[in-house]
Amino acid sequence: MAAPPPDSLAALIGRPKAALLAALDTPDTTASLARTLGVTPSAVSQHLSVLAACGLVARARAGRTVLYARSELGERVTARQGSAERRPWG
């Protein structure tokens, strides 16, 4: 089971997309992600399309299968779970 997304990321992009991004520890398919998250494959596909358009996930075709993985930006965003960033003004 995927770790829950941080509240700050969920507030920014929505809990379903944050949960999906958090679940992509390894490249995975839409169907597998849907089973893991307990949602429909079409919902996963819709959220993955948005995350890909924002540059947070990347797609790669392996034969007839499409695999999704966090992009470098997606990795940086999820790596900040629970960390407090230092603000330059305070």
Protein backbone atom coordinates (compact mmCIF):
# COMPACT_ATOMS: atom_id res chain seq x y z
CA MET A 1 0.00 0.00 0.00
CA ALA A 2 1.28 3.45 -0.86
CA ALA A 3 2.16 5.91 1.85
CA PRO A 4 -0.42 8.68 2.24
CA PRO A 5 0.48 11.90 0.49
CA PRO A 6 1.49 14.85 2.63
CA ASP A 7 -1.32 17.26 3.45
CA SER A 8 0.50 20.16 1.77
CA LEU A 9 0.81 18.29 -1.54
CA ALA A 10 -2.83 17.17 -1.33
CA ALA A 11 -3.89 20.77 -0.71
CA LEU A 12 -1.97 21.87 -3.79
CA ILE A 13 -2.98 19.25 -6.36
CA GLY A 14 -5.87 17.43 -4.68
CA ARG A 15 -5.86 14.26 -2.61
CA PRO A 16 -6.50 11.82 -5.53
CA LYS A 17 -3.61 13.15 -7.62
CA ALA A 18 -1.32 13.38 -4.58
CA ALA A 19 -2.14 9.77 -3.63
CA LEU A 20 -1.46 8.64 -7.18
CA LEU A 21 1.85 10.48 -7.29
CA ALA A 22 2.84 8.96 -3.94
CA ALA A 23 1.92 5.47 -5.20
CA LEU A 24 4.37 5.68 -8.11
CA ASP A 25 7.42 4.45 -6.18
CA THR A 26 8.11 2.18 -9.15
CA PRO A 27 6.80 2.43 -12.73
CA ASP A 28 3.30 1.01 -12.94
CA THR A 29 0.29 0.60 -15.21
CA THR A 30 -3.07 2.32 -15.01
CA ALA A 31 -4.85 -0.94 -14.13
CA SER A 32 -2.40 -1.83 -11.38
CA LEU A 33 -2.56 1.66 -9.89
CA ALA A 34 -6.37 1.49 -9.93
CA ARG A 35 -6.28 -1.79 -7.97
CA THR A 36 -3.75 -0.38 -5.49
CA LEU A 37 -5.77 2.79 -4.89
CA GLY A 38 -9.20 1.17 -5.06
CA VAL A 39 -10.50 3.40 -7.86
CA THR A 40 -11.47 2.89 -11.49
CA PRO A 41 -8.84 2.71 -14.23
CA SER A 42 -10.56 5.62 -16.01
CA ALA A 43 -10.16 7.82 -12.91
CA VAL A 44 -6.48 6.90 -12.69
CA SER A 45 -6.04 7.60 -16.39
CA GLN A 46 -7.65 11.02 -16.06
CA HIS A 47 -5.44 11.98 -13.10
CA LEU A 48 -2.31 10.62 -14.80
CA SER A 49 -3.06 12.76 -17.86
CA VAL A 50 -3.18 15.88 -15.69
CA LEU A 51 -0.01 14.91 -13.79
CA ALA A 52 1.79 14.24 -17.09
CA ALA A 53 0.66 17.57 -18.53
CA CYS A 54 2.15 19.27 -15.46
CA GLY A 55 5.43 17.40 -15.82
CA LEU A 56 5.04 15.37 -12.62
CA VAL A 57 4.86 11.95 -14.30
CA ALA A 58 6.33 10.46 -17.46
CA ARG A 59 4.98 7.71 -19.70
CA ALA A 60 6.92 4.95 -21.42
CA ARG A 61 5.57 2.26 -23.69
CA ALA A 62 6.76 -1.31 -23.14
CA GLY A 63 5.17 -3.33 -25.95
CA ARG A 64 1.41 -3.02 -25.51
CA THR A 65 1.76 -1.70 -21.97
CA VAL A 66 2.13 1.92 -20.93
CA LEU A 67 4.08 2.46 -17.73
CA TYR A 68 3.91 5.62 -15.67
CA ALA A 69 6.63 6.88 -13.33
CA ARG A 70 7.31 10.04 -11.41
CA SER A 71 9.41 12.49 -13.39
CA GLU A 72 12.39 14.26 -11.85
CA LEU A 73 10.04 17.07 -10.84
CA GLY A 74 7.57 14.54 -9.39
CA GLU A 75 10.39 12.98 -7.38
CA ARG A 76 11.41 16.37 -5.99
CA VAL A 77 7.83 17.23 -5.06
CA THR A 78 7.20 13.93 -3.26
CA ALA A 79 10.64 13.94 -1.59
CA ARG A 80 9.62 17.00 0.40
CA GLN A 81 7.00 15.09 2.36
CA GLY A 82 6.89 16.51 5.84
CA SER A 83 10.00 18.63 5.39
CA ALA A 84 9.88 22.27 6.29
CA GLU A 85 11.61 24.39 3.73
CA ARG A 86 13.65 27.32 4.96
CA ARG A 87 12.07 30.60 3.92
CA PRO A 88 14.54 33.20 2.67
CA TRP A 89 12.66 35.97 4.45
CA GLY A 90 12.47 34.43 7.89
